Amino acid sequence: RFVDRITPVYPDVAREQGAQGTAVVLATIGPDGRVESVSVDQSTGNKLLDGAAVSAARASRFEPPEIDGKPATETYRIVYTFDPNG
């Protein structure tokens, strides 16, 4: 349901430290397709990586959600994996 899925920017400091992990964020999308809120559901254990995941979700664009053909608000789980060697 992405119109434009933004890839998170791997923070240089986190990359240099070898920080890695998978962040799961919850993005609530309004009936107009705009991101209403984003929160971390599962942390990487690194605040910089979690912040990069949240920023990417906020910057992404989504199709307006619908339920039974009517505009709706939906919350989606988005997974971002950070690997300094990838």
PDB file of N, CA and C in Angstrom:
ATOM      1  N   ARG A   1       0.818  -1.205   0.000  1.00  0.00           N
ATOM      2  CA  ARG A   1       0.000   0.000   0.000  1.00  0.00           C
ATOM      3  C   ARG A   1       0.856   1.261   0.000  1.00  0.00           C
ATOM      4  N   PHE A   2       2.130   1.064  -0.288  1.00  0.00           N
ATOM      5  CA  PHE A   2       3.018   2.220  -0.415  1.00  0.00           C
ATOM      6  C   PHE A   2       2.848   2.858  -1.782  1.00  0.00           C
ATOM      7  N   VAL A   3       2.858   4.174  -1.809  1.00  0.00           N
ATOM      8  CA  VAL A   3       3.008   4.908  -3.055  1.00  0.00           C
ATOM      9  C   VAL A   3       4.497   5.140  -3.273  1.00  0.00           C
ATOM     10  N   ASP A   4       5.186   5.447  -2.169  1.00  0.00           N
ATOM     11  CA  ASP A   4       6.636   5.680  -2.211  1.00  0.00           C
ATOM     12  C   ASP A   4       7.223   5.249  -0.869  1.00  0.00           C
ATOM     13  N   ARG A   5       7.903   4.093  -0.863  1.00  0.00           N
ATOM     14  CA  ARG A   5       8.514   3.593   0.384  1.00  0.00           C
ATOM     15  C   ARG A   5       9.929   4.149   0.486  1.00  0.00           C
ATOM     16  N   ILE A   6      10.149   4.951   1.502  1.00  0.00           N
ATOM     17  CA  ILE A   6      11.452   5.573   1.724  1.00  0.00           C
ATOM     18  C   ILE A   6      12.358   4.596   2.482  1.00  0.00           C
ATOM     19  N   THR A   7      13.579   4.446   1.988  1.00  0.00           N
ATOM     20  CA  THR A   7      14.577   3.623   2.667  1.00  0.00           C
ATOM     21  C   THR A   7      15.243   4.471   3.740  1.00  0.00           C
ATOM     22  N   PRO A   8      15.366   3.931   4.952  1.00  0.00           N
ATOM     23  CA  PRO A   8      15.992   4.733   6.008  1.00  0.00           C
ATOM     24  C   PRO A   8      17.459   5.025   5.722  1.00  0.00           C
ATOM     25  N   VAL A   9      17.897   6.182   6.179  1.00  0.00           N
ATOM     26  CA  VAL A   9      19.309   6.556   6.088  1.00  0.00           C
ATOM     27  C   VAL A   9      20.014   5.906   7.274  1.00  0.00           C
ATOM     28  N   TYR A  10      21.025   5.099   6.980  1.00  0.00           N
ATOM     29  CA  TYR A  10      21.787   4.432   8.037  1.00  0.00           C
ATOM     30  C   TYR A  10      22.689   5.473   8.676  1.00  0.00           C
ATOM     31  N   PRO A  11      22.469   5.842   9.929  1.00  0.00           N
ATOM     32  CA  PRO A  11      23.298   6.876  10.561  1.00  0.00           C
ATOM     33  C   PRO A  11      24.777   6.472  10.560  1.00  0.00           C
ATOM     34  N   ASP A  12      25.644   7.385  10.147  1.00  0.00           N
ATOM     35  CA  ASP A  12      27.076   7.100  10.067  1.00  0.00           C
ATOM     36  C   ASP A  12      27.634   6.599  11.391  1.00  0.00           C
ATOM     37  N   VAL A  13      27.249   7.244  12.486  1.00  0.00           N
ATOM     38  CA  VAL A  13      27.760   6.849  13.799  1.00  0.00           C
ATOM     39  C   VAL A  13      27.352   5.409  14.110  1.00  0.00           C
ATOM     40  N   ALA A  14      26.104   5.063  13.829  1.00  0.00           N
ATOM     41  CA  ALA A  14      25.627   3.704  14.101  1.00  0.00           C
ATOM     42  C   ALA A  14      26.370   2.696  13.221  1.00  0.00           C
ATOM     43  N   ARG A  15      26.613   3.045  11.967  1.00  0.00           N
ATOM     44  CA  ARG A  15      27.337   2.158  11.053  1.00  0.00           C
ATOM     45  C   ARG A  15      28.769   1.948  11.563  1.00  0.00           C
ATOM     46  N   GLU A  16      29.422   3.041  11.965  1.00  0.00           N
ATOM     47  CA  GLU A  16      30.799   2.946  12.468  1.00  0.00           C
ATOM     48  C   GLU A  16      30.879   2.091  13.730  1.00  0.00           C
ATOM     49  N   GLN A  17      29.823   2.115  14.535  1.00  0.00           N
ATOM     50  CA  GLN A  17      29.779   1.311  15.765  1.00  0.00           C
ATOM     51  C   GLN A  17      29.388  -0.140  15.488  1.00  0.00           C
ATOM     52  N   GLY A  18      29.019  -0.420  14.239  1.00  0.00           N
ATOM     53  CA  GLY A  18      28.578  -1.769  13.894  1.00  0.00           C
ATOM     54  C   GLY A  18      27.188  -2.086  14.396  1.00  0.00           C
ATOM     55  N   ALA A  19      26.419  -1.048  14.727  1.00  0.00           N
ATOM     56  CA  ALA A  19      25.053  -1.255  15.218  1.00  0.00           C
ATOM     57  C   ALA A  19      24.202  -1.868  14.107  1.00  0.00           C
ATOM     58  N   GLN A  20      23.390  -2.837  14.501  1.00  0.00           N
ATOM     59  CA  GLN A  20      22.511  -3.479  13.536  1.00  0.00           C
ATOM     60  C   GLN A  20      21.255  -3.962  14.228  1.00  0.00           C
ATOM     61  N   GLY A  21      20.276  -4.361  13.444  1.00  0.00           N
ATOM     62  CA  GLY A  21      19.044  -4.880  14.017  1.00  0.00           C
ATOM     63  C   GLY A  21      17.863  -4.616  13.119  1.00  0.00           C
ATOM     64  N   THR A  22      16.722  -5.063  13.587  1.00  0.00           N
ATOM     65  CA  THR A  22      15.474  -4.893  12.851  1.00  0.00           C
ATOM     66  C   THR A  22      14.525  -4.055  13.690  1.00  0.00           C
ATOM     67  N   ALA A  23      14.030  -3.000  13.098  1.00  0.00           N
ATOM     68  CA  ALA A  23      13.035  -2.150  13.750  1.00  0.00           C
ATOM     69  C   ALA A  23      11.680  -2.422  13.112  1.00  0.00           C
ATOM     70  N   VAL A  24      10.678  -2.536  13.944  1.00  0.00           N
ATOM     71  CA  VAL A  24       9.301  -2.634  13.460  1.00  0.00           C
ATOM     72  C   VAL A  24       8.588  -1.381  13.942  1.00  0.00           C
ATOM     73  N   VAL A  25       8.060  -0.610  12.997  1.00  0.00           N
ATOM     74  CA  VAL A  25       7.339   0.604  13.367  1.00  0.00           C
ATOM     75  C   VAL A  25       5.868   0.456  12.990  1.00  0.00           C
ATOM     76  N   LEU A  26       5.031   1.135  13.745  1.00  0.00           N
ATOM     77  CA  LEU A  26       3.603   1.187  13.467  1.00  0.00           C
ATOM     78  C   LEU A  26       3.298   2.565  12.892  1.00  0.00           C
ATOM     79  N   ALA A  27       2.774   2.579  11.681  1.00  0.00           N
ATOM     80  CA  ALA A  27       2.429   3.834  11.021  1.00  0.00           C
ATOM     81  C   ALA A  27       0.914   3.895  10.844  1.00  0.00           C
ATOM     82  N   THR A  28       0.303   4.923  11.424  1.00  0.00           N
ATOM     83  CA  THR A  28      -1.137   5.118  11.277  1.00  0.00           C
ATOM     84  C   THR A  28      -1.358   6.073  10.114  1.00  0.00           C
ATOM     85  N   ILE A  29      -2.131   5.598   9.145  1.00  0.00           N
ATOM     86  CA  ILE A  29      -2.382   6.334   7.915  1.00  0.00           C
ATOM     87  C   ILE A  29      -3.840   6.779   7.901  1.00  0.00           C
ATOM     88  N   GLY A  30      -4.038   8.062   7.686  1.00  0.00           N
ATOM     89  CA  GLY A  30      -5.391   8.610   7.670  1.00  0.00           C
ATOM     90  C   GLY A  30      -6.098   8.367   6.350  1.00  0.00           C
ATOM     91  N   PRO A  31      -7.390   8.687   6.287  1.00  0.00           N
ATOM     92  CA  PRO A  31      -8.190   8.438   5.093  1.00  0.00           C
ATOM     93  C   PRO A  31      -7.725   9.219   3.867  1.00  0.00           C
ATOM     94  N   ASP A  32      -6.871  10.225   4.078  1.00  0.00           N
ATOM     95  CA  ASP A  32      -6.333  10.984   2.946  1.00  0.00           C
ATOM     96  C   ASP A  32      -4.973  10.449   2.499  1.00  0.00           C
ATOM     97  N   GLY A  33      -4.484   9.379   3.153  1.00  0.00           N
ATOM     98  CA  GLY A  33      -3.203   8.793   2.799  1.00  0.00           C
ATOM     99  C   GLY A  33      -2.019   9.407   3.528  1.00  0.00           C
ATOM    100  N   ARG A  34      -2.280  10.383   4.374  1.00  0.00           N
ATOM    101  CA  ARG A  34      -1.192  11.026   5.125  1.00  0.00           C
ATOM    102  C   ARG A  34      -0.844  10.221   6.375  1.00  0.00           C
ATOM    103  N   VAL A  35       0.432  10.272   6.734  1.00  0.00           N
ATOM    104  CA  VAL A  35       0.891   9.611   7.950  1.00  0.00           C
ATOM    105  C   VAL A  35       0.426  10.449   9.142  1.00  0.00           C
ATOM    106  N   GLU A  36      -0.382   9.852  10.005  1.00  0.00           N
ATOM    107  CA  GLU A  36      -0.876  10.562  11.184  1.00  0.00           C
ATOM    108  C   GLU A  36       0.059  10.382  12.374  1.00  0.00           C
ATOM    109  N   SER A  37       0.608   9.184  12.532  1.00  0.00           N
ATOM    110  CA  SER A  37       1.532   8.942  13.636  1.00  0.00           C
ATOM    111  C   SER A  37       2.410   7.744  13.311  1.00  0.00           C
ATOM    112  N   VAL A  38       3.587   7.736  13.932  1.00  0.00           N
ATOM    113  CA  VAL A  38       4.527   6.623  13.787  1.00  0.00           C
ATOM    114  C   VAL A  38       5.118   6.343  15.161  1.00  0.00           C
ATOM    115  N   SER A  39       5.198   5.076  15.523  1.00  0.00           N
ATOM    116  CA  SER A  39       5.828   4.700  16.787  1.00  0.00           C
ATOM    117  C   SER A  39       6.618   3.414  16.591  1.00  0.00           C
ATOM    118  N   VAL A  40       7.598   3.206  17.466  1.00  0.00           N
ATOM    119  CA  VAL A  40       8.406   1.992  17.418  1.00  0.00           C
ATOM    120  C   VAL A  40       7.653   0.881  18.147  1.00  0.00           C
ATOM    121  N   ASP A  41       7.398  -0.217  17.443  1.00  0.00           N
ATOM    122  CA  ASP A  41       6.743  -1.383  18.037  1.00  0.00           C
ATOM    123  C   ASP A  41       7.788  -2.366  18.548  1.00  0.00           C
ATOM    124  N   GLN A  42       8.863  -2.528  17.778  1.00  0.00           N
ATOM    125  CA  GLN A  42       9.977  -3.394  18.174  1.00  0.00           C
ATOM    126  C   GLN A  42      11.266  -2.637  17.899  1.00  0.00           C
ATOM    127  N   SER A  43      12.047  -2.428  18.931  1.00  0.00           N
ATOM    128  CA  SER A  43      13.267  -1.640  18.823  1.00  0.00           C
ATOM    129  C   SER A  43      14.444  -2.478  18.330  1.00  0.00           C
ATOM    130  N   THR A  44      15.373  -1.805  17.665  1.00  0.00           N
ATOM    131  CA  THR A  44      16.641  -2.436  17.300  1.00  0.00           C
ATOM    132  C   THR A  44      17.565  -2.513  18.506  1.00  0.00           C
ATOM    133  N   GLY A  45      17.234  -1.745  19.542  1.00  0.00           N
ATOM    134  CA  GLY A  45      18.111  -1.621  20.690  1.00  0.00           C
ATOM    135  C   GLY A  45      19.064  -0.442  20.544  1.00  0.00           C
ATOM    136  N   ASN A  46      18.924   0.286  19.434  1.00  0.00           N
ATOM    137  CA  ASN A  46      19.785   1.439  19.169  1.00  0.00           C
ATOM    138  C   ASN A  46      18.888   2.625  18.807  1.00  0.00           C
ATOM    139  N   LYS A  47      18.978   3.694  19.580  1.00  0.00           N
ATOM    140  CA  LYS A  47      18.097   4.850  19.358  1.00  0.00           C
ATOM    141  C   LYS A  47      18.301   5.493  17.994  1.00  0.00           C
ATOM    142  N   LEU A  48      19.537   5.511  17.502  1.00  0.00           N
ATOM    143  CA  LEU A  48      19.792   6.109  16.189  1.00  0.00           C
ATOM    144  C   LEU A  48      19.105   5.318  15.082  1.00  0.00           C
ATOM    145  N   LEU A  49      19.194   3.994  15.149  1.00  0.00           N
ATOM    146  CA  LEU A  49      18.545   3.167  14.131  1.00  0.00           C
ATOM    147  C   LEU A  49      17.028   3.276  14.228  1.00  0.00           C
ATOM    148  N   ASP A  50      16.513   3.265  15.452  1.00  0.00           N
ATOM    149  CA  ASP A  50      15.062   3.411  15.626  1.00  0.00           C
ATOM    150  C   ASP A  50      14.582   4.754  15.065  1.00  0.00           C
ATOM    151  N   GLY A  51      15.349   5.800  15.327  1.00  0.00           N
ATOM    152  CA  GLY A  51      14.996   7.125  14.812  1.00  0.00           C
ATOM    153  C   GLY A  51      15.009   7.168  13.297  1.00  0.00           C
ATOM    154  N   ALA A  52      15.983   6.495  12.687  1.00  0.00           N
ATOM    155  CA  ALA A  52      16.054   6.450  11.227  1.00  0.00           C
ATOM    156  C   ALA A  52      14.843   5.716  10.651  1.00  0.00           C
ATOM    157  N   ALA A  53      14.412   4.651  11.325  1.00  0.00           N
ATOM    158  CA  ALA A  53      13.243   3.897  10.874  1.00  0.00           C
ATOM    159  C   ALA A  53      11.980   4.752  10.971  1.00  0.00           C
ATOM    160  N   VAL A  54      11.826   5.466  12.073  1.00  0.00           N
ATOM    161  CA  VAL A  54      10.655   6.331  12.259  1.00  0.00           C
ATOM    162  C   VAL A  54      10.649   7.438  11.197  1.00  0.00           C
ATOM    163  N   SER A  55      11.801   8.033  10.945  1.00  0.00           N
ATOM    164  CA  SER A  55      11.894   9.098   9.932  1.00  0.00           C
ATOM    165  C   SER A  55      11.527   8.580   8.549  1.00  0.00           C
ATOM    166  N   ALA A  56      11.990   7.378   8.216  1.00  0.00           N
ATOM    167  CA  ALA A  56      11.674   6.801   6.903  1.00  0.00           C
ATOM    168  C   ALA A  56      10.182   6.538   6.770  1.00  0.00           C
ATOM    169  N   ALA A  57       9.572   6.023   7.834  1.00  0.00           N
ATOM    170  CA  ALA A  57       8.126   5.760   7.782  1.00  0.00           C
ATOM    171  C   ALA A  57       7.352   7.065   7.620  1.00  0.00           C
ATOM    172  N   ARG A  58       7.768   8.104   8.357  1.00  0.00           N
ATOM    173  CA  ARG A  58       7.088   9.403   8.248  1.00  0.00           C
ATOM    174  C   ARG A  58       7.208   9.999   6.846  1.00  0.00           C
ATOM    175  N   ALA A  59       8.340   9.771   6.194  1.00  0.00           N
ATOM    176  CA  ALA A  59       8.586  10.353   4.876  1.00  0.00           C
ATOM    177  C   ALA A  59       7.954   9.537   3.744  1.00  0.00           C
ATOM    178  N   SER A  60       7.548   8.301   4.038  1.00  0.00           N
ATOM    179  CA  SER A  60       6.939   7.450   3.012  1.00  0.00           C
ATOM    180  C   SER A  60       5.543   7.959   2.676  1.00  0.00           C
ATOM    181  N   ARG A  61       5.104   7.590   1.471  1.00  0.00           N
ATOM    182  CA  ARG A  61       3.751   7.973   1.048  1.00  0.00           C
ATOM    183  C   ARG A  61       2.932   6.706   0.843  1.00  0.00           C
ATOM    184  N   PHE A  62       1.659   6.783   1.205  1.00  0.00           N
ATOM    185  CA  PHE A  62       0.783   5.618   1.196  1.00  0.00           C
ATOM    186  C   PHE A  62      -0.483   5.883   0.394  1.00  0.00           C
ATOM    187  N   GLU A  63      -1.068   4.796  -0.113  1.00  0.00           N
ATOM    188  CA  GLU A  63      -2.392   4.904  -0.707  1.00  0.00           C
ATOM    189  C   GLU A  63      -3.391   5.138   0.431  1.00  0.00           C
ATOM    190  N   PRO A  64      -4.425   5.946   0.196  1.00  0.00           N
ATOM    191  CA  PRO A  64      -5.435   6.133   1.243  1.00  0.00           C
ATOM    192  C   PRO A  64      -6.101   4.799   1.576  1.00  0.00           C
ATOM    193  N   PRO A  65      -6.137   4.424   2.847  1.00  0.00           N
ATOM    194  CA  PRO A  65      -6.773   3.159   3.218  1.00  0.00           C
ATOM    195  C   PRO A  65      -8.294   3.213   3.044  1.00  0.00           C
ATOM    196  N   GLU A  66      -8.838   2.053   2.730  1.00  0.00           N
ATOM    197  CA  GLU A  66     -10.290   1.935   2.601  1.00  0.00           C
ATOM    198  C   GLU A  66     -10.744   0.666   3.285  1.00  0.00           C
ATOM    199  N   ILE A  67     -11.918   0.733   3.874  1.00  0.00           N
ATOM    200  CA  ILE A  67     -12.587  -0.448   4.418  1.00  0.00           C
ATOM    201  C   ILE A  67     -13.969  -0.474   3.789  1.00  0.00           C
ATOM    202  N   ASP A  68     -14.261  -1.571   3.115  1.00  0.00           N
ATOM    203  CA  ASP A  68     -15.534  -1.719   2.395  1.00  0.00           C
ATOM    204  C   ASP A  68     -15.752  -0.563   1.422  1.00  0.00           C
ATOM    205  N   GLY A  69     -14.667  -0.123   0.767  1.00  0.00           N
ATOM    206  CA  GLY A  69     -14.765   0.924  -0.238  1.00  0.00           C
ATOM    207  C   GLY A  69     -14.894   2.332   0.312  1.00  0.00           C
ATOM    208  N   LYS A  70     -14.789   2.475   1.636  1.00  0.00           N
ATOM    209  CA  LYS A  70     -14.930   3.793   2.249  1.00  0.00           C
ATOM    210  C   LYS A  70     -13.606   4.226   2.867  1.00  0.00           C
ATOM    211  N   PRO A  71     -13.305   5.534   2.832  1.00  0.00           N
ATOM    212  CA  PRO A  71     -12.066   6.025   3.441  1.00  0.00           C
ATOM    213  C   PRO A  71     -11.986   5.599   4.907  1.00  0.00           C
ATOM    214  N   ALA A  72     -10.777   5.232   5.317  1.00  0.00           N
ATOM    215  CA  ALA A  72     -10.595   4.732   6.680  1.00  0.00           C
ATOM    216  C   ALA A  72      -9.225   5.132   7.199  1.00  0.00           C
ATOM    217  N   THR A  73      -9.021   4.889   8.473  1.00  0.00           N
ATOM    218  CA  THR A  73      -7.714   5.055   9.100  1.00  0.00           C
ATOM    219  C   THR A  73      -7.210   3.665   9.428  1.00  0.00           C
ATOM    220  N   GLU A  74      -5.971   3.372   9.023  1.00  0.00           N
ATOM    221  CA  GLU A  74      -5.387   2.059   9.251  1.00  0.00           C
ATOM    222  C   GLU A  74      -3.993   2.210   9.850  1.00  0.00           C
ATOM    223  N   THR A  75      -3.585   1.225  10.619  1.00  0.00           N
ATOM    224  CA  THR A  75      -2.231   1.186  11.162  1.00  0.00           C
ATOM    225  C   THR A  75      -1.503   0.004  10.541  1.00  0.00           C
ATOM    226  N   TYR A  76      -0.326   0.289   9.982  1.00  0.00           N
ATOM    227  CA  TYR A  76       0.469  -0.728   9.307  1.00  0.00           C
ATOM    228  C   TYR A  76       1.764  -0.964  10.058  1.00  0.00           C
ATOM    229  N   ARG A  77       2.228  -2.213  10.029  1.00  0.00           N
ATOM    230  CA  ARG A  77       3.540  -2.568  10.578  1.00  0.00           C
ATOM    231  C   ARG A  77       4.540  -2.505   9.429  1.00  0.00           C
ATOM    232  N   ILE A  78       5.626  -1.782   9.648  1.00  0.00           N
ATOM    233  CA  ILE A  78       6.667  -1.664   8.635  1.00  0.00           C
ATOM    234  C   ILE A  78       7.970  -2.155   9.256  1.00  0.00           C
ATOM    235  N   VAL A  79       8.661  -3.026   8.551  1.00  0.00           N
ATOM    236  CA  VAL A  79       9.897  -3.622   9.051  1.00  0.00           C
ATOM    237  C   VAL A  79      11.078  -3.013   8.307  1.00  0.00           C
ATOM    238  N   TYR A  80      12.054  -2.554   9.084  1.00  0.00           N
ATOM    239  CA  TYR A  80      13.298  -2.013   8.526  1.00  0.00           C
ATOM    240  C   TYR A  80      14.460  -2.778   9.149  1.00  0.00           C
ATOM    241  N   THR A  81      15.327  -3.321   8.317  1.00  0.00           N
ATOM    242  CA  THR A  81      16.481  -4.066   8.803  1.00  0.00           C
ATOM    243  C   THR A  81      17.746  -3.273   8.504  1.00  0.00           C
ATOM    244  N   PHE A  82      18.571  -3.131   9.516  1.00  0.00           N
ATOM    245  CA  PHE A  82      19.832  -2.399   9.395  1.00  0.00           C
ATOM    246  C   PHE A  82      20.986  -3.394   9.534  1.00  0.00           C
ATOM    247  N   ASP A  83      21.852  -3.419   8.535  1.00  0.00           N
ATOM    248  CA  ASP A  83      23.032  -4.273   8.551  1.00  0.00           C
ATOM    249  C   ASP A  83      24.202  -3.449   8.032  1.00  0.00           C
ATOM    250  N   PRO A  84      25.209  -3.198   8.877  1.00  0.00           N
ATOM    251  CA  PRO A  84      26.307  -2.339   8.451  1.00  0.00           C
ATOM    252  C   PRO A  84      27.119  -2.915   7.287  1.00  0.00           C
ATOM    253  N   ASN A  85      26.982  -4.212   7.046  1.00  0.00           N
ATOM    254  CA  ASN A  85      27.710  -4.849   5.950  1.00  0.00           C
ATOM    255  C   ASN A  85      26.866  -4.985   4.692  1.00  0.00           C
ATOM    256  N   GLY A  86      25.581  -4.600   4.821  1.00  0.00           N
ATOM    257  CA  GLY A  86      24.676  -4.788   3.688  1.00  0.00           C
ATOM    258  C   GLY A  86      24.607  -3.618   2.882  1.00  0.00           C
TER     259      GLY A  86
END
